[in-house]
Amino acid sequence: MSPNTNPASTPPNFHCPMHAEVHRSIPGVCPKCGMDLVPEGARFGMLRHMMSMPRHMLRRPWMLVVMGAAMVAIMAALMMR
């Protein structure tokens, strides 16, 4: 290693897309929200953002759809009486 290269002085190169204050020098997950850390300067769209979200956050909308459909079916059955 050359004397000009100090690992402690190199800036972290991974960050959380949701929490700007979370920086790491190696890839991993954000300790605050559980999202994957992305490389500094990375540009990504909504699909990439959703793929980095924890699985339980992606299941919530589907659970709401199922629960809503069940409620509509129950209300329709009660109205038919």
PDB file of N, CA and C in Angstrom:
ATOM      1  N   MET A   1       0.848  -1.167   0.000  1.00  0.00           N
ATOM      2  CA  MET A   1       0.000   0.000   0.000  1.00  0.00           C
ATOM      3  C   MET A   1       0.890   1.226   0.000  1.00  0.00           C
ATOM      4  N   SER A   2       0.548   2.213  -0.804  1.00  0.00           N
ATOM      5  CA  SER A   2       1.367   3.416  -0.888  1.00  0.00           C
ATOM      6  C   SER A   2       1.127   4.306   0.327  1.00  0.00           C
ATOM      7  N   PRO A   3       2.085   5.146   0.694  1.00  0.00           N
ATOM      8  CA  PRO A   3       1.919   5.999   1.864  1.00  0.00           C
ATOM      9  C   PRO A   3       0.838   7.061   1.686  1.00  0.00           C
ATOM     10  N   ASN A   4       0.461   7.388   0.442  1.00  0.00           N
ATOM     11  CA  ASN A   4      -0.578   8.390   0.205  1.00  0.00           C
ATOM     12  C   ASN A   4      -1.980   7.842   0.394  1.00  0.00           C
ATOM     13  N   THR A   5      -2.125   6.530   0.403  1.00  0.00           N
ATOM     14  CA  THR A   5      -3.436   5.919   0.523  1.00  0.00           C
ATOM     15  C   THR A   5      -3.680   5.507   1.960  1.00  0.00           C
ATOM     16  N   ASN A   6      -4.538   6.225   2.628  1.00  0.00           N
ATOM     17  CA  ASN A   6      -4.896   5.921   4.011  1.00  0.00           C
ATOM     18  C   ASN A   6      -6.344   5.441   4.034  1.00  0.00           C
ATOM     19  N   PRO A   7      -6.600   4.185   4.433  1.00  0.00           N
ATOM     20  CA  PRO A   7      -7.977   3.681   4.400  1.00  0.00           C
ATOM     21  C   PRO A   7      -8.918   4.486   5.280  1.00  0.00           C
ATOM     22  N   ALA A   8      -8.427   5.056   6.363  1.00  0.00           N
ATOM     23  CA  ALA A   8      -9.296   5.821   7.248  1.00  0.00           C
ATOM     24  C   ALA A   8      -9.742   7.133   6.610  1.00  0.00           C
ATOM     25  N   SER A   9      -8.964   7.667   5.657  1.00  0.00           N
ATOM     26  CA  SER A   9      -9.320   8.947   5.049  1.00  0.00           C
ATOM     27  C   SER A   9     -10.176   8.782   3.795  1.00  0.00           C
ATOM     28  N   THR A  10     -10.355   7.560   3.303  1.00  0.00           N
ATOM     29  CA  THR A  10     -11.196   7.357   2.119  1.00  0.00           C
ATOM     30  C   THR A  10     -12.656   7.527   2.519  1.00  0.00           C
ATOM     31  N   PRO A  11     -13.433   8.239   1.723  1.00  0.00           N
ATOM     32  CA  PRO A  11     -14.835   8.460   2.084  1.00  0.00           C
ATOM     33  C   PRO A  11     -15.650   7.177   1.937  1.00  0.00           C
ATOM     34  N   PRO A  12     -16.699   7.032   2.724  1.00  0.00           N
ATOM     35  CA  PRO A  12     -17.560   5.857   2.561  1.00  0.00           C
ATOM     36  C   PRO A  12     -18.209   5.890   1.181  1.00  0.00           C
ATOM     37  N   ASN A  13     -18.397   4.730   0.593  1.00  0.00           N
ATOM     38  CA  ASN A  13     -18.932   4.715  -0.761  1.00  0.00           C
ATOM     39  C   ASN A  13     -20.273   4.005  -0.892  1.00  0.00           C
ATOM     40  N   PHE A  14     -20.970   3.750   0.212  1.00  0.00           N
ATOM     41  CA  PHE A  14     -22.325   3.197   0.172  1.00  0.00           C
ATOM     42  C   PHE A  14     -23.193   4.017   1.120  1.00  0.00           C
ATOM     43  N   HIS A  15     -24.438   4.273   0.718  1.00  0.00           N
ATOM     44  CA  HIS A  15     -25.341   5.040   1.576  1.00  0.00           C
ATOM     45  C   HIS A  15     -26.757   4.497   1.462  1.00  0.00           C
ATOM     46  N   CYS A  16     -27.592   4.891   2.404  1.00  0.00           N
ATOM     47  CA  CYS A  16     -29.002   4.501   2.391  1.00  0.00           C
ATOM     48  C   CYS A  16     -29.777   5.520   1.560  1.00  0.00           C
ATOM     49  N   PRO A  17     -30.637   5.080   0.634  1.00  0.00           N
ATOM     50  CA  PRO A  17     -31.419   6.021  -0.163  1.00  0.00           C
ATOM     51  C   PRO A  17     -32.419   6.818   0.676  1.00  0.00           C
ATOM     52  N   MET A  18     -32.841   6.284   1.815  1.00  0.00           N
ATOM     53  CA  MET A  18     -33.836   6.951   2.645  1.00  0.00           C
ATOM     54  C   MET A  18     -33.217   7.797   3.755  1.00  0.00           C
ATOM     55  N   HIS A  19     -32.034   7.450   4.204  1.00  0.00           N
ATOM     56  CA  HIS A  19     -31.382   8.146   5.317  1.00  0.00           C
ATOM     57  C   HIS A  19     -29.999   8.619   4.869  1.00  0.00           C
ATOM     58  N   ALA A  20     -29.898   9.902   4.562  1.00  0.00           N
ATOM     59  CA  ALA A  20     -28.653  10.454   4.018  1.00  0.00           C
ATOM     60  C   ALA A  20     -27.497  10.377   5.005  1.00  0.00           C
ATOM     61  N   GLU A  21     -27.791  10.280   6.285  1.00  0.00           N
ATOM     62  CA  GLU A  21     -26.715  10.263   7.279  1.00  0.00           C
ATOM     63  C   GLU A  21     -26.065   8.888   7.445  1.00  0.00           C
ATOM     64  N   VAL A  22     -26.643   7.843   6.863  1.00  0.00           N
ATOM     65  CA  VAL A  22     -26.096   6.487   6.981  1.00  0.00           C
ATOM     66  C   VAL A  22     -25.122   6.242   5.839  1.00  0.00           C
ATOM     67  N   HIS A  23     -23.858   6.073   6.185  1.00  0.00           N
ATOM     68  CA  HIS A  23     -22.802   5.809   5.198  1.00  0.00           C
ATOM     69  C   HIS A  23     -21.961   4.636   5.681  1.00  0.00           C
ATOM     70  N   ARG A  24     -21.552   3.778   4.764  1.00  0.00           N
ATOM     71  CA  ARG A  24     -20.679   2.647   5.082  1.00  0.00           C
ATOM     72  C   ARG A  24     -19.655   2.496   3.967  1.00  0.00           C
ATOM     73  N   SER A  25     -18.534   1.877   4.304  1.00  0.00           N
ATOM     74  CA  SER A  25     -17.513   1.642   3.284  1.00  0.00           C
ATOM     75  C   SER A  25     -17.707   0.295   2.591  1.00  0.00           C
ATOM     76  N   ILE A  26     -18.603  -0.545   3.120  1.00  0.00           N
ATOM     77  CA  ILE A  26     -18.897  -1.839   2.507  1.00  0.00           C
ATOM     78  C   ILE A  26     -20.404  -1.943   2.304  1.00  0.00           C
ATOM     79  N   PRO A  27     -20.862  -2.753   1.349  1.00  0.00           N
ATOM     80  CA  PRO A  27     -22.311  -2.908   1.161  1.00  0.00           C
ATOM     81  C   PRO A  27     -22.938  -3.600   2.360  1.00  0.00           C
ATOM     82  N   GLY A  28     -24.205  -3.344   2.561  1.00  0.00           N
ATOM     83  CA  GLY A  28     -24.944  -3.944   3.668  1.00  0.00           C
ATOM     84  C   GLY A  28     -26.353  -3.405   3.682  1.00  0.00           C
ATOM     85  N   VAL A  29     -26.948  -3.348   4.874  1.00  0.00           N
ATOM     86  CA  VAL A  29     -28.300  -2.818   5.027  1.00  0.00           C
ATOM     87  C   VAL A  29     -28.278  -1.649   5.989  1.00  0.00           C
ATOM     88  N   CYS A  30     -29.250  -0.773   5.838  1.00  0.00           N
ATOM     89  CA  CYS A  30     -29.382   0.393   6.711  1.00  0.00           C
ATOM     90  C   CYS A  30     -29.842  -0.064   8.092  1.00  0.00           C
ATOM     91  N   PRO A  31     -29.197   0.388   9.163  1.00  0.00           N
ATOM     92  CA  PRO A  31     -29.629  -0.015  10.495  1.00  0.00           C
ATOM     93  C   PRO A  31     -30.957   0.615  10.903  1.00  0.00           C
ATOM     94  N   LYS A  32     -31.393   1.679  10.222  1.00  0.00           N
ATOM     95  CA  LYS A  32     -32.637   2.352  10.578  1.00  0.00           C
ATOM     96  C   LYS A  32     -33.858   1.750   9.900  1.00  0.00           C
ATOM     97  N   CYS A  33     -33.730   1.429   8.579  1.00  0.00           N
ATOM     98  CA  CYS A  33     -34.914   0.970   7.845  1.00  0.00           C
ATOM     99  C   CYS A  33     -34.760  -0.404   7.211  1.00  0.00           C
ATOM    100  N   GLY A  34     -33.544  -0.951   7.171  1.00  0.00           N
ATOM    101  CA  GLY A  34     -33.349  -2.281   6.611  1.00  0.00           C
ATOM    102  C   GLY A  34     -33.177  -2.328   5.103  1.00  0.00           C
ATOM    103  N   MET A  35     -33.156  -1.162   4.440  1.00  0.00           N
ATOM    104  CA  MET A  35     -32.963  -1.150   2.985  1.00  0.00           C
ATOM    105  C   MET A  35     -31.502  -1.422   2.653  1.00  0.00           C
ATOM    106  N   ASP A  36     -31.275  -1.969   1.470  1.00  0.00           N
ATOM    107  CA  ASP A  36     -29.904  -2.189   1.011  1.00  0.00           C
ATOM    108  C   ASP A  36     -29.212  -0.856   0.807  1.00  0.00           C
ATOM    109  N   LEU A  37     -27.945  -0.784   1.203  1.00  0.00           N
ATOM    110  CA  LEU A  37     -27.152   0.399   0.930  1.00  0.00           C
ATOM    111  C   LEU A  37     -26.755   0.384  -0.543  1.00  0.00           C
ATOM    112  N   VAL A  38     -26.795   1.544  -1.172  1.00  0.00           N
ATOM    113  CA  VAL A  38     -26.486   1.653  -2.597  1.00  0.00           C
ATOM    114  C   VAL A  38     -25.182   2.423  -2.781  1.00  0.00           C
ATOM    115  N   PRO A  39     -24.496   2.205  -3.900  1.00  0.00           N
ATOM    116  CA  PRO A  39     -23.249   2.942  -4.142  1.00  0.00           C
ATOM    117  C   PRO A  39     -23.500   4.444  -4.223  1.00  0.00           C
ATOM    118  N   GLU A  40     -22.523   5.236  -3.773  1.00  0.00           N
ATOM    119  CA  GLU A  40     -22.622   6.697  -3.862  1.00  0.00           C
ATOM    120  C   GLU A  40     -22.823   7.100  -5.313  1.00  0.00           C
ATOM    121  N   GLY A  41     -23.701   8.026  -5.551  1.00  0.00           N
ATOM    122  CA  GLY A  41     -23.937   8.530  -6.902  1.00  0.00           C
ATOM    123  C   GLY A  41     -24.773   7.611  -7.760  1.00  0.00           C
ATOM    124  N   ALA A  42     -25.283   6.504  -7.192  1.00  0.00           N
ATOM    125  CA  ALA A  42     -26.086   5.570  -7.990  1.00  0.00           C
ATOM    126  C   ALA A  42     -27.432   6.203  -8.318  1.00  0.00           C
ATOM    127  N   ARG A  43     -27.845   6.051  -9.545  1.00  0.00           N
ATOM    128  CA  ARG A  43     -29.162   6.516  -9.968  1.00  0.00           C
ATOM    129  C   ARG A  43     -30.000   5.282 -10.247  1.00  0.00           C
ATOM    130  N   PHE A  44     -31.188   5.265  -9.707  1.00  0.00           N
ATOM    131  CA  PHE A  44     -32.062   4.123  -9.947  1.00  0.00           C
ATOM    132  C   PHE A  44     -33.504   4.574  -9.925  1.00  0.00           C
ATOM    133  N   GLY A  45     -34.327   3.809 -10.592  1.00  0.00           N
ATOM    134  CA  GLY A  45     -35.737   4.136 -10.686  1.00  0.00           C
ATOM    135  C   GLY A  45     -36.536   3.498  -9.566  1.00  0.00           C
ATOM    136  N   MET A  46     -37.838   3.600  -9.684  1.00  0.00           N
ATOM    137  CA  MET A  46     -38.733   3.103  -8.641  1.00  0.00           C
ATOM    138  C   MET A  46     -38.625   1.593  -8.478  1.00  0.00           C
ATOM    139  N   LEU A  47     -38.465   0.855  -9.582  1.00  0.00           N
ATOM    140  CA  LEU A  47     -38.366  -0.598  -9.485  1.00  0.00           C
ATOM    141  C   LEU A  47     -37.145  -0.996  -8.671  1.00  0.00           C
ATOM    142  N   ARG A  48     -36.021  -0.380  -8.941  1.00  0.00           N
ATOM    143  CA  ARG A  48     -34.797  -0.679  -8.184  1.00  0.00           C
ATOM    144  C   ARG A  48     -34.989  -0.313  -6.712  1.00  0.00           C
ATOM    145  N   HIS A  49     -35.670   0.801  -6.467  1.00  0.00           N
ATOM    146  CA  HIS A  49     -35.941   1.224  -5.098  1.00  0.00           C
ATOM    147  C   HIS A  49     -36.805   0.191  -4.379  1.00  0.00           C
ATOM    148  N   MET A  50     -37.828  -0.314  -5.073  1.00  0.00           N
ATOM    149  CA  MET A  50     -38.704  -1.303  -4.445  1.00  0.00           C
ATOM    150  C   MET A  50     -37.983  -2.619  -4.202  1.00  0.00           C
ATOM    151  N   MET A  51     -37.046  -2.970  -5.090  1.00  0.00           N
ATOM    152  CA  MET A  51     -36.311  -4.216  -4.908  1.00  0.00           C
ATOM    153  C   MET A  51     -35.388  -4.147  -3.696  1.00  0.00           C
ATOM    154  N   SER A  52     -35.001  -2.940  -3.277  1.00  0.00           N
ATOM    155  CA  SER A  52     -34.126  -2.817  -2.122  1.00  0.00           C
ATOM    156  C   SER A  52     -34.911  -2.720  -0.819  1.00  0.00           C
ATOM    157  N   MET A  53     -36.233  -2.661  -0.908  1.00  0.00           N
ATOM    158  CA  MET A  53     -37.049  -2.569   0.304  1.00  0.00           C
ATOM    159  C   MET A  53     -37.139  -3.941   0.976  1.00  0.00           C
ATOM    160  N   PRO A  54     -37.278  -3.949   2.285  1.00  0.00           N
ATOM    161  CA  PRO A  54     -37.475  -5.231   2.973  1.00  0.00           C
ATOM    162  C   PRO A  54     -38.752  -5.908   2.481  1.00  0.00           C
ATOM    163  N   ARG A  55     -38.737  -7.224   2.495  1.00  0.00           N
ATOM    164  CA  ARG A  55     -39.874  -7.991   1.976  1.00  0.00           C
ATOM    165  C   ARG A  55     -41.186  -7.665   2.684  1.00  0.00           C
ATOM    166  N   HIS A  56     -41.160  -7.472   3.997  1.00  0.00           N
ATOM    167  CA  HIS A  56     -42.411  -7.230   4.714  1.00  0.00           C
ATOM    168  C   HIS A  56     -43.075  -5.926   4.273  1.00  0.00           C
ATOM    169  N   MET A  57     -42.293  -4.962   3.789  1.00  0.00           N
ATOM    170  CA  MET A  57     -42.883  -3.711   3.316  1.00  0.00           C
ATOM    171  C   MET A  57     -43.567  -3.898   1.971  1.00  0.00           C
ATOM    172  N   LEU A  58     -43.105  -4.861   1.165  1.00  0.00           N
ATOM    173  CA  LEU A  58     -43.733  -5.118  -0.126  1.00  0.00           C
ATOM    174  C   LEU A  58     -45.004  -5.943   0.028  1.00  0.00           C
ATOM    175  N   ARG A  59     -45.127  -6.666   1.121  1.00  0.00           N
ATOM    176  CA  ARG A  59     -46.313  -7.497   1.329  1.00  0.00           C
ATOM    177  C   ARG A  59     -47.497  -6.682   1.827  1.00  0.00           C
ATOM    178  N   ARG A  60     -47.261  -5.552   2.456  1.00  0.00           N
ATOM    179  CA  ARG A  60     -48.348  -4.763   3.040  1.00  0.00           C
ATOM    180  C   ARG A  60     -49.437  -4.393   2.041  1.00  0.00           C
ATOM    181  N   PRO A  61     -49.113  -3.863   0.854  1.00  0.00           N
ATOM    182  CA  PRO A  61     -50.201  -3.505  -0.068  1.00  0.00           C
ATOM    183  C   PRO A  61     -51.044  -4.706  -0.477  1.00  0.00           C
ATOM    184  N   TRP A  62     -50.425  -5.858  -0.671  1.00  0.00           N
ATOM    185  CA  TRP A  62     -51.190  -7.043  -1.064  1.00  0.00           C
ATOM    186  C   TRP A  62     -52.105  -7.500   0.065  1.00  0.00           C
ATOM    187  N   MET A  63     -51.645  -7.378   1.280  1.00  0.00           N
ATOM    188  CA  MET A  63     -52.489  -7.755   2.416  1.00  0.00           C
ATOM    189  C   MET A  63     -53.705  -6.835   2.487  1.00  0.00           C
ATOM    190  N   LEU A  64     -53.518  -5.551   2.196  1.00  0.00           N
ATOM    191  CA  LEU A  64     -54.640  -4.613   2.196  1.00  0.00           C
ATOM    192  C   LEU A  64     -55.648  -4.944   1.109  1.00  0.00           C
ATOM    193  N   VAL A  65     -55.167  -5.349  -0.052  1.00  0.00           N
ATOM    194  CA  VAL A  65     -56.067  -5.717  -1.148  1.00  0.00           C
ATOM    195  C   VAL A  65     -56.891  -6.941  -0.760  1.00  0.00           C
ATOM    196  N   VAL A  66     -56.236  -7.942  -0.185  1.00  0.00           N
ATOM    197  CA  VAL A  66     -56.947  -9.165   0.214  1.00  0.00           C
ATOM    198  C   VAL A  66     -57.963  -8.857   1.303  1.00  0.00           C
ATOM    199  N   MET A  67     -57.557  -8.082   2.299  1.00  0.00           N
ATOM    200  CA  MET A  67     -58.481  -7.736   3.391  1.00  0.00           C
ATOM    201  C   MET A  67     -59.647  -6.902   2.872  1.00  0.00           C
ATOM    202  N   GLY A  68     -59.365  -5.965   1.961  1.00  0.00           N
ATOM    203  CA  GLY A  68     -60.424  -5.138   1.396  1.00  0.00           C
ATOM    204  C   GLY A  68     -61.416  -5.968   0.604  1.00  0.00           C
ATOM    205  N   ALA A  69     -60.909  -6.919  -0.191  1.00  0.00           N
ATOM    206  CA  ALA A  69     -61.799  -7.784  -0.968  1.00  0.00           C
ATOM    207  C   ALA A  69     -62.668  -8.638  -0.045  1.00  0.00           C
ATOM    208  N   ALA A  70     -62.082  -9.117   1.045  1.00  0.00           N
ATOM    209  CA  ALA A  70     -62.852  -9.915   2.005  1.00  0.00           C
ATOM    210  C   ALA A  70     -63.944  -9.068   2.646  1.00  0.00           C
ATOM    211  N   MET A  71     -63.630  -7.829   2.973  1.00  0.00           N
ATOM    212  CA  MET A  71     -64.640  -6.949   3.577  1.00  0.00           C
ATOM    213  C   MET A  71     -65.769  -6.647   2.601  1.00  0.00           C
ATOM    214  N   VAL A  72     -65.435  -6.434   1.333  1.00  0.00           N
ATOM    215  CA  VAL A  72     -66.472  -6.166   0.330  1.00  0.00           C
ATOM    216  C   VAL A  72     -67.362  -7.392   0.179  1.00  0.00           C
ATOM    217  N   ALA A  73     -66.789  -8.588   0.172  1.00  0.00           N
ATOM    218  CA  ALA A  73     -67.583  -9.821   0.050  1.00  0.00           C
ATOM    219  C   ALA A  73     -68.504  -9.992   1.248  1.00  0.00           C
ATOM    220  N   ILE A  74     -68.010  -9.714   2.431  1.00  0.00           N
ATOM    221  CA  ILE A  74     -68.843  -9.847   3.648  1.00  0.00           C
ATOM    222  C   ILE A  74     -69.980  -8.820   3.616  1.00  0.00           C
ATOM    223  N   MET A  75     -69.679  -7.597   3.248  1.00  0.00           N
ATOM    224  CA  MET A  75     -70.723  -6.559   3.184  1.00  0.00           C
ATOM    225  C   MET A  75     -71.775  -6.916   2.129  1.00  0.00           C
ATOM    226  N   ALA A  76     -71.333  -7.441   0.981  1.00  0.00           N
ATOM    227  CA  ALA A  76     -72.289  -7.829  -0.064  1.00  0.00           C
ATOM    228  C   ALA A  76     -73.174  -8.968   0.434  1.00  0.00           C
ATOM    229  N   ALA A  77     -72.595  -9.918   1.161  1.00  0.00           N
ATOM    230  CA  ALA A  77     -73.381 -11.036   1.684  1.00  0.00           C
ATOM    231  C   ALA A  77     -74.400 -10.541   2.711  1.00  0.00           C
ATOM    232  N   LEU A  78     -73.998  -9.581   3.535  1.00  0.00           N
ATOM    233  CA  LEU A  78     -74.916  -9.059   4.546  1.00  0.00           C
ATOM    234  C   LEU A  78     -76.046  -8.249   3.909  1.00  0.00           C
ATOM    235  N   MET A  79     -75.771  -7.584   2.808  1.00  0.00           N
ATOM    236  CA  MET A  79     -76.791  -6.796   2.135  1.00  0.00           C
ATOM    237  C   MET A  79     -77.793  -7.666   1.385  1.00  0.00           C
ATOM    238  N   MET A  80     -77.404  -8.893   1.021  1.00  0.00           N
ATOM    239  CA  MET A  80     -78.283  -9.795   0.285  1.00  0.00           C
ATOM    240  C   MET A  80     -79.355 -10.400   1.183  1.00  0.00           C
ATOM    241  N   ARG A  81     -79.182 -10.359   2.462  1.00  0.00           N
ATOM    242  CA  ARG A  81     -80.170 -10.976   3.372  1.00  0.00           C
ATOM    243  C   ARG A  81     -81.490 -10.297   3.324  1.00  0.00           C
TER     244      ARG A  81
END
